[in-house]
Amino acid sequence: MKTLGFEKLKEIINKFKKAKVLVVGDLMLDEYVWGDVTRISPEAPVPIVKVNKENFMPGGASNVANNIVTLGGKAILVGVIGSDGRGEILKKTLKDKGVDIGGVISDISRPTTLKTRVIASHQQVVRIDKEKTDPLSSKVLSKVIDYVRRKLEDVDSLIIEDYGKGVIIPQLLDKVVSMARAKNKLIIVDPKEENFSFYKGITGITPNQHEASCAVGFAIKDEETLNKAGFKLLNKLGCKVVVITLGERGMRVFERRKRSVHIPTVAQEVFDVSGAGDTVIGTFTLSLSCGAEPIVAAHIANCAAGIVIGKLGTAVVTKDELIERIKKEMER
């Protein structure tokens, strides 16, 4: 990263405030229940957690939008919640954080997705999911597409955040990708393996290792298969860049007619990788929107991810934290 130049990277990050990103995807509310374990239940061999506190955080596409605004950018969020108390909590949380929630649509037929994580002594004990993953109804789907159509003109880029919860379906992808391409917008996708055939024509994609393996039809188990998978995805989707995230091992970047580049993680200590992919796609898209080349954008995104996996829970990174971490890495 030293060869990129600290001032150049800092200049890109400082431009984040000028970028506006449309985020379309599955919205979730993350609930954290924090406590201590001092004994095992007499009813079953499970720990008893004495709760100290509870809090809520935006999850899924909501967390991507949260990352963007925390870094100084502008995020317009589009997705679906239920007509319930959880949905109201999510909307208020997002609004308080500065996310534009004009595209958050309520659907009485489905609940707001809730992921409850019970944390004891810095260790996740259990996760409880409450959700409905049926595809959107045609009526709600039309509302989502219409909102995207109205807002595309005003943004620099489009993020499609696919968590497989029923929002990102082929009918939506077909319309949204076509509209964004017609307006020459950057289109970056955080994918789910079931929909890979519908991502053709996008700008870039950020699968994790498992998703990339499913998409290409073979296991990624070493350098050779990792490179084979990355370049196969480039050709299969006709996109400009593929970033395969590798958890604690960082990421690998693939571009046409170039060698792949491995970027090792800059995390000093790994506490929690949940939400790291949201940070990657948010930071990567902001950087591209501000004129960064894909490899430079990937370096910045990797550094941001290294910060959040050093935090516990669904975390975000600020602009100042990111600049400071990049500065420290360059001084090493």
C-alpha atoms as a PDB file:
ATOM      1  CA  MET A   1       0.000   0.000   0.000  1.00  0.00           C
ATOM      2  CA  LYS A   2       2.967   2.306   0.532  1.00  0.00           C
ATOM      3  CA  THR A   3       3.470   2.641  -3.224  1.00  0.00           C
ATOM      4  CA  LEU A   4       0.036   4.232  -3.559  1.00  0.00           C
ATOM      5  CA  GLY A   5       1.028   7.327  -1.566  1.00  0.00           C
ATOM      6  CA  PHE A   6      -0.631   8.413   1.667  1.00  0.00           C
ATOM      7  CA  GLU A   7      -1.684  11.837   0.381  1.00  0.00           C
ATOM      8  CA  LYS A   8      -3.418  10.292  -2.618  1.00  0.00           C
ATOM      9  CA  LEU A   9      -5.367   7.904  -0.412  1.00  0.00           C
ATOM     10  CA  LYS A  10      -6.249  10.662   2.039  1.00  0.00           C
ATOM     11  CA  GLU A  11      -7.463  12.842  -0.834  1.00  0.00           C
ATOM     12  CA  ILE A  12      -9.784  10.079  -2.045  1.00  0.00           C
ATOM     13  CA  ILE A  13     -11.214   9.518   1.444  1.00  0.00           C
ATOM     14  CA  ASN A  14     -11.777  13.238   1.941  1.00  0.00           C
ATOM     15  CA  LYS A  15     -13.830  13.231  -1.272  1.00  0.00           C
ATOM     16  CA  PHE A  16     -16.285  10.726   0.220  1.00  0.00           C
ATOM     17  CA  LYS A  17     -18.451  13.645   1.359  1.00  0.00           C
ATOM     18  CA  LYS A  18     -19.217  14.411  -2.295  1.00  0.00           C
ATOM     19  CA  ALA A  19     -20.357  10.882  -3.165  1.00  0.00           C
ATOM     20  CA  LYS A  20     -23.977   9.751  -3.207  1.00  0.00           C
ATOM     21  CA  VAL A  21     -24.780   6.038  -3.290  1.00  0.00           C
ATOM     22  CA  LEU A  22     -28.090   4.277  -3.868  1.00  0.00           C
ATOM     23  CA  VAL A  23     -28.193   1.067  -1.767  1.00  0.00           C
ATOM     24  CA  VAL A  24     -30.793  -1.529  -2.741  1.00  0.00           C
ATOM     25  CA  GLY A  25     -31.168  -4.749  -0.807  1.00  0.00           C
ATOM     26  CA  ASP A  26     -32.319  -6.802   2.132  1.00  0.00           C
ATOM     27  CA  LEU A  27     -32.874  -4.727   5.253  1.00  0.00           C
ATOM     28  CA  MET A  28     -32.283  -6.207   8.694  1.00  0.00           C
ATOM     29  CA  LEU A  29     -32.265  -5.173  12.320  1.00  0.00           C
ATOM     30  CA  ASP A  30     -29.406  -6.591  14.385  1.00  0.00           C
ATOM     31  CA  GLU A  31     -30.151  -7.012  18.085  1.00  0.00           C
ATOM     32  CA  TYR A  32     -27.301  -7.579  20.550  1.00  0.00           C
ATOM     33  CA  VAL A  33     -27.936  -9.050  23.977  1.00  0.00           C
ATOM     34  CA  TRP A  34     -24.837  -8.637  26.180  1.00  0.00           C
ATOM     35  CA  GLY A  35     -24.255 -10.552  29.384  1.00  0.00           C
ATOM     36  CA  ASP A  36     -22.115 -12.868  31.515  1.00  0.00           C
ATOM     37  CA  VAL A  37     -22.074 -16.615  32.015  1.00  0.00           C
ATOM     38  CA  THR A  38     -21.387 -17.958  35.491  1.00  0.00           C
ATOM     39  CA  ARG A  39     -23.082 -21.351  35.387  1.00  0.00           C
ATOM     40  CA  ILE A  40     -24.667 -24.040  33.214  1.00  0.00           C
ATOM     41  CA  SER A  41     -28.423 -24.538  33.158  1.00  0.00           C
ATOM     42  CA  PRO A  42     -29.732 -27.472  35.205  1.00  0.00           C
ATOM     43  CA  GLU A  43     -32.396 -27.998  32.535  1.00  0.00           C
ATOM     44  CA  ALA A  44     -29.995 -28.654  29.642  1.00  0.00           C
ATOM     45  CA  PRO A  45     -26.212 -28.475  29.016  1.00  0.00           C
ATOM     46  CA  VAL A  46     -26.341 -24.828  27.922  1.00  0.00           C
ATOM     47  CA  PRO A  47     -24.944 -21.650  29.518  1.00  0.00           C
ATOM     48  CA  ILE A  48     -27.191 -19.287  31.456  1.00  0.00           C
ATOM     49  CA  VAL A  49     -26.575 -15.710  30.292  1.00  0.00           C
ATOM     50  CA  LYS A  50     -27.258 -12.977  32.805  1.00  0.00           C
ATOM     51  CA  VAL A  51     -28.156  -9.984  30.625  1.00  0.00           C
ATOM     52  CA  ASN A  52     -26.419  -6.654  31.278  1.00  0.00           C
ATOM     53  CA  LYS A  53     -27.574  -4.625  28.283  1.00  0.00           C
ATOM     54  CA  GLU A  54     -29.286  -4.785  24.897  1.00  0.00           C
ATOM     55  CA  ASN A  55     -28.895  -2.650  21.791  1.00  0.00           C
ATOM     56  CA  PHE A  56     -29.926  -2.497  18.138  1.00  0.00           C
ATOM     57  CA  MET A  57     -27.860  -1.837  15.000  1.00  0.00           C
ATOM     58  CA  PRO A  58     -28.737  -1.665  11.294  1.00  0.00           C
ATOM     59  CA  GLY A  59     -27.954  -4.932   9.500  1.00  0.00           C
ATOM     60  CA  GLY A  60     -27.689  -6.180   5.925  1.00  0.00           C
ATOM     61  CA  ALA A  61     -28.150  -3.428   3.333  1.00  0.00           C
ATOM     62  CA  SER A  62     -28.982  -1.097   6.239  1.00  0.00           C
ATOM     63  CA  ASN A  63     -25.464  -1.622   7.580  1.00  0.00           C
ATOM     64  CA  VAL A  64     -23.956  -0.828   4.172  1.00  0.00           C
ATOM     65  CA  ALA A  65     -25.809   2.497   4.171  1.00  0.00           C
ATOM     66  CA  ASN A  66     -24.706   3.108   7.766  1.00  0.00           C
ATOM     67  CA  ASN A  67     -21.063   2.505   6.787  1.00  0.00           C
ATOM     68  CA  ILE A  68     -21.354   4.958   3.903  1.00  0.00           C
ATOM     69  CA  VAL A  69     -22.727   7.818   6.004  1.00  0.00           C
ATOM     70  CA  THR A  70     -20.273   7.145   8.845  1.00  0.00           C
ATOM     71  CA  LEU A  71     -17.463   7.543   6.312  1.00  0.00           C
ATOM     72  CA  GLY A  72     -18.929  10.883   5.237  1.00  0.00           C
ATOM     73  CA  GLY A  73     -20.813   9.845   2.106  1.00  0.00           C
ATOM     74  CA  LYS A  74     -24.526  10.121   1.352  1.00  0.00           C
ATOM     75  CA  ALA A  75     -26.628   6.971   1.239  1.00  0.00           C
ATOM     76  CA  ILE A  76     -30.149   6.536  -0.119  1.00  0.00           C
ATOM     77  CA  LEU A  77     -31.531   3.221   1.127  1.00  0.00           C
ATOM     78  CA  VAL A  78     -34.109   1.152  -0.749  1.00  0.00           C
ATOM     79  CA  GLY A  79     -35.650  -2.002   0.670  1.00  0.00           C
ATOM     80  CA  VAL A  80     -38.555  -3.555   2.529  1.00  0.00           C
ATOM     81  CA  ILE A  81     -39.464  -3.854   6.212  1.00  0.00           C
ATOM     82  CA  GLY A  82     -42.536  -5.135   8.002  1.00  0.00           C
ATOM     83  CA  SER A  83     -45.293  -2.963   9.451  1.00  0.00           C
ATOM     84  CA  ASP A  84     -44.109  -3.738  12.968  1.00  0.00           C
ATOM     85  CA  GLY A  85     -42.216  -2.367  15.938  1.00  0.00           C
ATOM     86  CA  ARG A  86     -38.911  -3.764  14.693  1.00  0.00           C
ATOM     87  CA  GLY A  87     -39.326  -1.858  11.453  1.00  0.00           C
ATOM     88  CA  GLU A  88     -39.955   1.375  13.346  1.00  0.00           C
ATOM     89  CA  ILE A  89     -36.815   0.817  15.432  1.00  0.00           C
ATOM     90  CA  LEU A  90     -34.779   0.241  12.263  1.00  0.00           C
ATOM     91  CA  LYS A  91     -36.146   3.353  10.540  1.00  0.00           C
ATOM     92  CA  LYS A  92     -35.505   5.555  13.567  1.00  0.00           C
ATOM     93  CA  THR A  93     -31.987   4.164  14.001  1.00  0.00           C
ATOM     94  CA  LEU A  94     -31.153   4.810  10.358  1.00  0.00           C
ATOM     95  CA  LYS A  95     -32.689   8.287  10.346  1.00  0.00           C
ATOM     96  CA  ASP A  96     -30.729   9.222  13.472  1.00  0.00           C
ATOM     97  CA  LYS A  97     -27.542   8.124  11.727  1.00  0.00           C
ATOM     98  CA  GLY A  98     -28.230  10.297   8.684  1.00  0.00           C
ATOM     99  CA  VAL A  99     -29.353   7.671   6.164  1.00  0.00           C
ATOM    100  CA  ASP A 100     -31.989   8.729   3.611  1.00  0.00           C
ATOM    101  CA  ILE A 101     -34.837   6.241   4.261  1.00  0.00           C
ATOM    102  CA  GLY A 102     -37.248   7.537   1.629  1.00  0.00           C
ATOM    103  CA  GLY A 103     -37.001   4.223  -0.209  1.00  0.00           C
ATOM    104  CA  VAL A 104     -37.732   2.021   2.825  1.00  0.00           C
ATOM    105  CA  ILE A 105     -41.113   0.449   2.050  1.00  0.00           C
ATOM    106  CA  SER A 106     -43.386  -1.222   4.628  1.00  0.00           C
ATOM    107  CA  ASP A 107     -45.027  -4.535   3.719  1.00  0.00           C
ATOM    108  CA  ILE A 108     -47.772  -5.767   6.035  1.00  0.00           C
ATOM    109  CA  SER A 109     -47.375  -9.347   4.755  1.00  0.00           C
ATOM    110  CA  ARG A 110     -43.819  -9.859   6.066  1.00  0.00           C
ATOM    111  CA  PRO A 111     -41.936  -9.155   9.312  1.00  0.00           C
ATOM    112  CA  THR A 112     -38.861  -6.994   9.578  1.00  0.00           C
ATOM    113  CA  THR A 113     -35.885  -9.377   9.542  1.00  0.00           C
ATOM    114  CA  LEU A 114     -34.357  -9.578  13.028  1.00  0.00           C
ATOM    115  CA  LYS A 115     -31.069 -11.238  13.909  1.00  0.00           C
ATOM    116  CA  THR A 116     -30.532 -11.531  17.660  1.00  0.00           C
ATOM    117  CA  ARG A 117     -27.022 -12.310  18.857  1.00  0.00           C
ATOM    118  CA  VAL A 118     -26.384 -13.233  22.488  1.00  0.00           C
ATOM    119  CA  ILE A 119     -22.861 -12.232  23.529  1.00  0.00           C
ATOM    120  CA  ALA A 120     -21.217 -13.391  26.755  1.00  0.00           C
ATOM    121  CA  SER A 121     -17.619 -12.582  27.718  1.00  0.00           C
ATOM    122  CA  HIS A 122     -16.860 -11.342  24.170  1.00  0.00           C
ATOM    123  CA  GLN A 123     -18.106 -14.639  22.717  1.00  0.00           C
ATOM    124  CA  GLN A 124     -21.242 -15.156  20.643  1.00  0.00           C
ATOM    125  CA  VAL A 125     -23.290 -17.826  22.401  1.00  0.00           C
ATOM    126  CA  VAL A 126     -26.201 -18.121  19.974  1.00  0.00           C
ATOM    127  CA  ARG A 127     -27.891 -16.293  17.078  1.00  0.00           C
ATOM    128  CA  ILE A 128     -31.660 -16.286  16.623  1.00  0.00           C
ATOM    129  CA  ASP A 129     -33.148 -15.308  13.226  1.00  0.00           C
ATOM    130  CA  LYS A 130     -36.726 -14.119  12.711  1.00  0.00           C
ATOM    131  CA  GLU A 131     -37.483 -13.598   9.023  1.00  0.00           C
ATOM    132  CA  LYS A 132     -39.566 -14.351   5.969  1.00  0.00           C
ATOM    133  CA  THR A 133     -37.618 -14.955   2.768  1.00  0.00           C
ATOM    134  CA  ASP A 134     -40.409 -15.301   0.216  1.00  0.00           C
ATOM    135  CA  PRO A 135     -39.949 -13.130  -2.906  1.00  0.00           C
ATOM    136  CA  LEU A 136     -41.602  -9.712  -2.853  1.00  0.00           C
ATOM    137  CA  SER A 137     -45.134  -9.411  -4.153  1.00  0.00           C
ATOM    138  CA  SER A 138     -45.522  -7.775  -7.564  1.00  0.00           C
ATOM    139  CA  LYS A 139     -47.095  -4.708  -5.932  1.00  0.00           C
ATOM    140  CA  VAL A 140     -44.213  -4.122  -3.520  1.00  0.00           C
ATOM    141  CA  LEU A 141     -41.655  -4.978  -6.216  1.00  0.00           C
ATOM    142  CA  SER A 142     -43.113  -2.261  -8.471  1.00  0.00           C
ATOM    143  CA  LYS A 143     -42.774   0.294  -5.664  1.00  0.00           C
ATOM    144  CA  VAL A 144     -39.092  -0.627  -5.182  1.00  0.00           C
ATOM    145  CA  ILE A 145     -38.318  -0.408  -8.904  1.00  0.00           C
ATOM    146  CA  ASP A 146     -40.179   2.889  -9.300  1.00  0.00           C
ATOM    147  CA  TYR A 147     -38.237   4.443  -6.430  1.00  0.00           C
ATOM    148  CA  VAL A 148     -34.923   3.300  -7.894  1.00  0.00           C
ATOM    149  CA  ARG A 149     -35.927   4.757 -11.265  1.00  0.00           C
ATOM    150  CA  ARG A 150     -36.657   8.150  -9.707  1.00  0.00           C
ATOM    151  CA  LYS A 151     -33.424   8.307  -7.720  1.00  0.00           C
ATOM    152  CA  LEU A 152     -30.827   6.933 -10.148  1.00  0.00           C
ATOM    153  CA  GLU A 153     -30.290  10.278 -11.842  1.00  0.00           C
ATOM    154  CA  ASP A 154     -29.162  11.865  -8.557  1.00  0.00           C
ATOM    155  CA  VAL A 155     -26.523   9.320  -7.486  1.00  0.00           C
ATOM    156  CA  ASP A 156     -22.986   8.366  -8.498  1.00  0.00           C
ATOM    157  CA  SER A 157     -23.319   4.641  -7.959  1.00  0.00           C
ATOM    158  CA  LEU A 158     -25.612   1.758  -7.135  1.00  0.00           C
ATOM    159  CA  ILE A 159     -24.968  -0.993  -4.588  1.00  0.00           C
ATOM    160  CA  ILE A 160     -27.024  -4.182  -4.767  1.00  0.00           C
ATOM    161  CA  GLU A 161     -26.844  -5.957  -1.413  1.00  0.00           C
ATOM    162  CA  ASP A 162     -28.184  -9.493  -1.784  1.00  0.00           C
ATOM    163  CA  TYR A 163     -28.681 -11.445   1.445  1.00  0.00           C
ATOM    164  CA  GLY A 164     -31.191 -13.876  -0.055  1.00  0.00           C
ATOM    165  CA  LYS A 165     -34.152 -12.572   1.968  1.00  0.00           C
ATOM    166  CA  GLY A 166     -36.545 -12.062  -0.951  1.00  0.00           C
ATOM    167  CA  VAL A 167     -35.843  -8.500  -2.133  1.00  0.00           C
ATOM    168  CA  ILE A 168     -33.122  -9.093  -4.721  1.00  0.00           C
ATOM    169  CA  ILE A 169     -34.940 -11.341  -7.166  1.00  0.00           C
ATOM    170  CA  PRO A 170     -34.410 -11.804 -10.925  1.00  0.00           C
ATOM    171  CA  GLN A 171     -37.251  -9.455 -11.896  1.00  0.00           C
ATOM    172  CA  LEU A 172     -35.753  -6.649  -9.802  1.00  0.00           C
ATOM    173  CA  LEU A 173     -32.185  -7.290 -10.987  1.00  0.00           C
ATOM    174  CA  ASP A 174     -33.232  -7.229 -14.626  1.00  0.00           C
ATOM    175  CA  LYS A 175     -34.904  -3.823 -14.306  1.00  0.00           C
ATOM    176  CA  VAL A 176     -32.501  -2.138 -11.895  1.00  0.00           C
ATOM    177  CA  VAL A 177     -29.270  -3.201 -13.605  1.00  0.00           C
ATOM    178  CA  SER A 178     -30.623  -2.168 -17.020  1.00  0.00           C
ATOM    179  CA  MET A 179     -31.675   1.265 -15.722  1.00  0.00           C
ATOM    180  CA  ALA A 180     -28.341   1.871 -13.999  1.00  0.00           C
ATOM    181  CA  ARG A 181     -26.350   0.817 -17.066  1.00  0.00           C
ATOM    182  CA  ALA A 182     -28.416   3.126 -19.272  1.00  0.00           C
ATOM    183  CA  LYS A 183     -27.377   6.025 -17.026  1.00  0.00           C
ATOM    184  CA  ASN A 184     -23.705   4.901 -16.883  1.00  0.00           C
ATOM    185  CA  LYS A 185     -23.766   4.402 -13.118  1.00  0.00           C
ATOM    186  CA  LEU A 186     -21.277   2.251 -11.243  1.00  0.00           C
ATOM    187  CA  ILE A 187     -22.996  -0.987 -10.195  1.00  0.00           C
ATOM    188  CA  ILE A 188     -21.373  -2.951  -7.373  1.00  0.00           C
ATOM    189  CA  VAL A 189     -22.905  -6.173  -6.062  1.00  0.00           C
ATOM    190  CA  ASP A 190     -22.522  -8.082  -2.807  1.00  0.00           C
ATOM    191  CA  PRO A 191     -23.922 -11.365  -4.119  1.00  0.00           C
ATOM    192  CA  LYS A 192     -25.837 -14.438  -3.094  1.00  0.00           C
ATOM    193  CA  GLU A 193     -24.823 -17.525  -5.035  1.00  0.00           C
ATOM    194  CA  GLU A 194     -28.350 -18.283  -6.300  1.00  0.00           C
ATOM    195  CA  ASN A 195     -28.486 -15.090  -8.382  1.00  0.00           C
ATOM    196  CA  PHE A 196     -25.063 -14.999 -10.055  1.00  0.00           C
ATOM    197  CA  SER A 197     -26.472 -15.548 -13.543  1.00  0.00           C
ATOM    198  CA  PHE A 198     -28.493 -12.318 -13.182  1.00  0.00           C
ATOM    199  CA  TYR A 199     -25.542 -10.056 -12.320  1.00  0.00           C
ATOM    200  CA  LYS A 200     -24.210  -9.789 -15.888  1.00  0.00           C
ATOM    201  CA  GLY A 201     -23.242  -6.323 -17.023  1.00  0.00           C
ATOM    202  CA  ILE A 202     -22.416  -4.924 -13.590  1.00  0.00           C
ATOM    203  CA  THR A 203     -19.236  -2.969 -12.803  1.00  0.00           C
ATOM    204  CA  GLY A 204     -17.918  -5.071  -9.953  1.00  0.00           C
ATOM    205  CA  ILE A 205     -18.744  -7.791  -7.453  1.00  0.00           C
ATOM    206  CA  THR A 206     -17.475  -8.648  -3.966  1.00  0.00           C
ATOM    207  CA  PRO A 207     -18.208 -12.321  -3.154  1.00  0.00           C
ATOM    208  CA  ASN A 208     -16.656 -14.123  -0.223  1.00  0.00           C
ATOM    209  CA  GLN A 209     -14.742 -17.336  -0.857  1.00  0.00           C
ATOM    210  CA  HIS A 210     -17.768 -19.596  -0.371  1.00  0.00           C
ATOM    211  CA  GLU A 211     -19.979 -17.530  -2.691  1.00  0.00           C
ATOM    212  CA  ALA A 212     -17.291 -17.438  -5.362  1.00  0.00           C
ATOM    213  CA  SER A 213     -16.845 -21.227  -5.124  1.00  0.00           C
ATOM    214  CA  CYS A 214     -20.581 -21.819  -5.584  1.00  0.00           C
ATOM    215  CA  ALA A 215     -20.686 -19.422  -8.542  1.00  0.00           C
ATOM    216  CA  VAL A 216     -17.884 -21.132 -10.497  1.00  0.00           C
ATOM    217  CA  GLY A 217     -18.786 -24.704  -9.572  1.00  0.00           C
ATOM    218  CA  PHE A 218     -15.565 -25.810  -7.898  1.00  0.00           C
ATOM    219  CA  ALA A 219     -13.941 -25.455  -4.483  1.00  0.00           C
ATOM    220  CA  ILE A 220     -11.412 -22.710  -3.871  1.00  0.00           C
ATOM    221  CA  LYS A 221      -8.713 -24.496  -1.889  1.00  0.00           C
ATOM    222  CA  ASP A 222      -5.412 -22.919  -2.937  1.00  0.00           C
ATOM    223  CA  GLU A 223      -3.821 -20.097  -4.947  1.00  0.00           C
ATOM    224  CA  GLU A 224      -4.404 -21.841  -8.264  1.00  0.00           C
ATOM    225  CA  THR A 225      -8.128 -22.414  -7.754  1.00  0.00           C
ATOM    226  CA  LEU A 226      -8.566 -18.919  -6.269  1.00  0.00           C
ATOM    227  CA  ASN A 227      -7.070 -17.328  -9.387  1.00  0.00           C
ATOM    228  CA  LYS A 228      -9.032 -19.628 -11.674  1.00  0.00           C
ATOM    229  CA  ALA A 229     -12.279 -18.687  -9.919  1.00  0.00           C
ATOM    230  CA  GLY A 230     -11.626 -14.941 -10.008  1.00  0.00           C
ATOM    231  CA  PHE A 231     -10.894 -14.786 -13.716  1.00  0.00           C
ATOM    232  CA  LYS A 232     -13.771 -17.131 -14.516  1.00  0.00           C
ATOM    233  CA  LEU A 233     -16.144 -14.749 -12.719  1.00  0.00           C
ATOM    234  CA  LEU A 234     -14.755 -11.775 -14.652  1.00  0.00           C
ATOM    235  CA  ASN A 235     -15.502 -13.501 -17.934  1.00  0.00           C
ATOM    236  CA  LYS A 236     -18.811 -14.995 -16.838  1.00  0.00           C
ATOM    237  CA  LEU A 237     -20.268 -11.676 -15.678  1.00  0.00           C
ATOM    238  CA  GLY A 238     -18.513  -9.359 -18.128  1.00  0.00           C
ATOM    239  CA  CYS A 239     -17.643  -7.032 -15.251  1.00  0.00           C
ATOM    240  CA  LYS A 240     -14.558  -4.857 -14.731  1.00  0.00           C
ATOM    241  CA  VAL A 241     -13.469  -6.043 -11.299  1.00  0.00           C
ATOM    242  CA  VAL A 242     -13.978  -8.985  -8.960  1.00  0.00           C
ATOM    243  CA  VAL A 243     -12.950  -8.743  -5.314  1.00  0.00           C
ATOM    244  CA  ILE A 244     -13.023 -12.074  -3.481  1.00  0.00           C
ATOM    245  CA  THR A 245     -12.968 -11.472   0.257  1.00  0.00           C
ATOM    246  CA  LEU A 246     -11.054 -14.050   2.290  1.00  0.00           C
ATOM    247  CA  GLY A 247     -11.936 -13.189   5.890  1.00  0.00           C
ATOM    248  CA  GLU A 248      -8.869 -12.980   8.088  1.00  0.00           C
ATOM    249  CA  ARG A 249      -6.641 -13.484   5.005  1.00  0.00           C
ATOM    250  CA  GLY A 250      -7.722 -10.221   3.349  1.00  0.00           C
ATOM    251  CA  MET A 251      -8.888 -10.206  -0.264  1.00  0.00           C
ATOM    252  CA  ARG A 252      -7.857 -10.963  -3.861  1.00  0.00           C
ATOM    253  CA  VAL A 253      -8.548  -8.433  -6.647  1.00  0.00           C
ATOM    254  CA  PHE A 254      -9.093  -9.427 -10.284  1.00  0.00           C
ATOM    255  CA  GLU A 255      -9.179  -7.065 -13.264  1.00  0.00           C
ATOM    256  CA  ARG A 256      -9.195  -7.744 -16.984  1.00  0.00           C
ATOM    257  CA  ARG A 257      -5.804  -8.195 -18.657  1.00  0.00           C
ATOM    258  CA  LYS A 258      -4.015  -7.813 -15.307  1.00  0.00           C
ATOM    259  CA  ARG A 259      -2.518 -10.166 -12.780  1.00  0.00           C
ATOM    260  CA  SER A 260      -4.548 -10.775  -9.662  1.00  0.00           C
ATOM    261  CA  VAL A 261      -3.406  -8.904  -6.561  1.00  0.00           C
ATOM    262  CA  HIS A 262      -3.587 -10.289  -3.026  1.00  0.00           C
ATOM    263  CA  ILE A 263      -4.189  -7.721  -0.284  1.00  0.00           C
ATOM    264  CA  PRO A 264      -3.526  -9.134   3.205  1.00  0.00           C
ATOM    265  CA  THR A 265      -5.712  -7.993   6.074  1.00  0.00           C
ATOM    266  CA  VAL A 266      -4.451  -5.106   8.194  1.00  0.00           C
ATOM    267  CA  ALA A 267      -6.384  -6.254  11.275  1.00  0.00           C
ATOM    268  CA  GLN A 268      -4.211  -6.269  14.373  1.00  0.00           C
ATOM    269  CA  GLU A 269      -6.656  -8.511  16.238  1.00  0.00           C
ATOM    270  CA  VAL A 270      -9.808 -10.226  15.011  1.00  0.00           C
ATOM    271  CA  PHE A 271     -12.846 -10.065  17.305  1.00  0.00           C
ATOM    272  CA  ASP A 272     -15.834 -10.339  14.966  1.00  0.00           C
ATOM    273  CA  VAL A 273     -16.068 -10.653  11.159  1.00  0.00           C
ATOM    274  CA  SER A 274     -19.853 -10.056  11.035  1.00  0.00           C
ATOM    275  CA  GLY A 275     -20.603  -7.021   8.896  1.00  0.00           C
ATOM    276  CA  ALA A 276     -17.100  -6.842   7.419  1.00  0.00           C
ATOM    277  CA  GLY A 277     -18.448  -7.508   3.929  1.00  0.00           C
ATOM    278  CA  ASP A 278     -20.823  -4.556   4.320  1.00  0.00           C
ATOM    279  CA  THR A 279     -17.873  -2.333   5.188  1.00  0.00           C
ATOM    280  CA  VAL A 280     -15.910  -3.620   2.190  1.00  0.00           C
ATOM    281  CA  ILE A 281     -18.604  -2.931  -0.401  1.00  0.00           C
ATOM    282  CA  GLY A 282     -19.512   0.452   1.101  1.00  0.00           C
ATOM    283  CA  THR A 283     -15.919   1.698   1.230  1.00  0.00           C
ATOM    284  CA  PHE A 284     -15.001   0.157  -2.130  1.00  0.00           C
ATOM    285  CA  THR A 285     -17.966   1.833  -3.854  1.00  0.00           C
ATOM    286  CA  LEU A 286     -17.315   5.205  -2.216  1.00  0.00           C
ATOM    287  CA  SER A 287     -13.690   5.058  -3.374  1.00  0.00           C
ATOM    288  CA  LEU A 288     -14.637   4.169  -6.950  1.00  0.00           C
ATOM    289  CA  SER A 289     -17.242   6.937  -6.937  1.00  0.00           C
ATOM    290  CA  CYS A 290     -14.488   9.398  -5.993  1.00  0.00           C
ATOM    291  CA  GLY A 291     -12.258   8.417  -8.905  1.00  0.00           C
ATOM    292  CA  ALA A 292     -10.073   5.700  -7.382  1.00  0.00           C
ATOM    293  CA  GLU A 293      -8.801   2.883  -9.587  1.00  0.00           C
ATOM    294  CA  PRO A 294     -10.188  -0.531  -8.523  1.00  0.00           C
ATOM    295  CA  ILE A 295      -6.952  -1.711  -6.900  1.00  0.00           C
ATOM    296  CA  VAL A 296      -6.658   1.537  -4.919  1.00  0.00           C
ATOM    297  CA  ALA A 297     -10.315   1.288  -3.886  1.00  0.00           C
ATOM    298  CA  ALA A 298      -9.719  -2.301  -2.776  1.00  0.00           C
ATOM    299  CA  HIS A 299      -6.744  -1.276  -0.623  1.00  0.00           C
ATOM    300  CA  ILE A 300      -8.853   1.377   1.101  1.00  0.00           C
ATOM    301  CA  ALA A 301     -11.761  -1.043   1.595  1.00  0.00           C
ATOM    302  CA  ASN A 302      -9.440  -3.713   2.975  1.00  0.00           C
ATOM    303  CA  CYS A 303      -8.067  -1.257   5.505  1.00  0.00           C
ATOM    304  CA  ALA A 304     -11.605  -0.313   6.583  1.00  0.00           C
ATOM    305  CA  ALA A 305     -12.527  -3.979   7.000  1.00  0.00           C
ATOM    306  CA  GLY A 306      -9.414  -4.517   9.095  1.00  0.00           C
ATOM    307  CA  ILE A 307     -10.701  -1.907  11.520  1.00  0.00           C
ATOM    308  CA  VAL A 308     -14.245  -3.269  11.902  1.00  0.00           C
ATOM    309  CA  ILE A 309     -13.215  -6.901  12.467  1.00  0.00           C
ATOM    310  CA  GLY A 310     -11.192  -5.612  15.399  1.00  0.00           C
ATOM    311  CA  LYS A 311     -14.477  -4.463  16.975  1.00  0.00           C
ATOM    312  CA  LEU A 312     -17.186  -6.617  18.528  1.00  0.00           C
ATOM    313  CA  GLY A 313     -20.658  -6.610  16.978  1.00  0.00           C
ATOM    314  CA  THR A 314     -21.939  -5.057  13.755  1.00  0.00           C
ATOM    315  CA  ALA A 315     -19.467  -2.171  13.601  1.00  0.00           C
ATOM    316  CA  VAL A 316     -18.636   0.750  11.330  1.00  0.00           C
ATOM    317  CA  VAL A 317     -15.535   2.818  10.659  1.00  0.00           C
ATOM    318  CA  THR A 318     -15.234   6.604  10.571  1.00  0.00           C
ATOM    319  CA  LYS A 319     -13.303   8.649   8.033  1.00  0.00           C
ATOM    320  CA  ASP A 320     -10.776   9.728  10.666  1.00  0.00           C
ATOM    321  CA  GLU A 321     -10.242   6.143  11.861  1.00  0.00           C
ATOM    322  CA  LEU A 322      -9.625   5.039   8.286  1.00  0.00           C
ATOM    323  CA  ILE A 323      -7.128   7.797   7.535  1.00  0.00           C
ATOM    324  CA  GLU A 324      -5.290   7.147  10.804  1.00  0.00           C
ATOM    325  CA  ARG A 325      -5.060   3.392  10.168  1.00  0.00           C
ATOM    326  CA  ILE A 326      -3.749   3.930   6.626  1.00  0.00           C
ATOM    327  CA  LYS A 327      -1.157   6.331   7.975  1.00  0.00           C
ATOM    328  CA  LYS A 328       0.011   3.767  10.553  1.00  0.00           C
ATOM    329  CA  GLU A 329       0.225   1.025   7.940  1.00  0.00           C
ATOM    330  CA  MET A 330       2.397   3.193   5.729  1.00  0.00           C
ATOM    331  CA  GLU A 331       4.734   4.000   8.607  1.00  0.00           C
ATOM    332  CA  ARG A 332       5.437   0.322   9.247  1.00  0.00           C
END
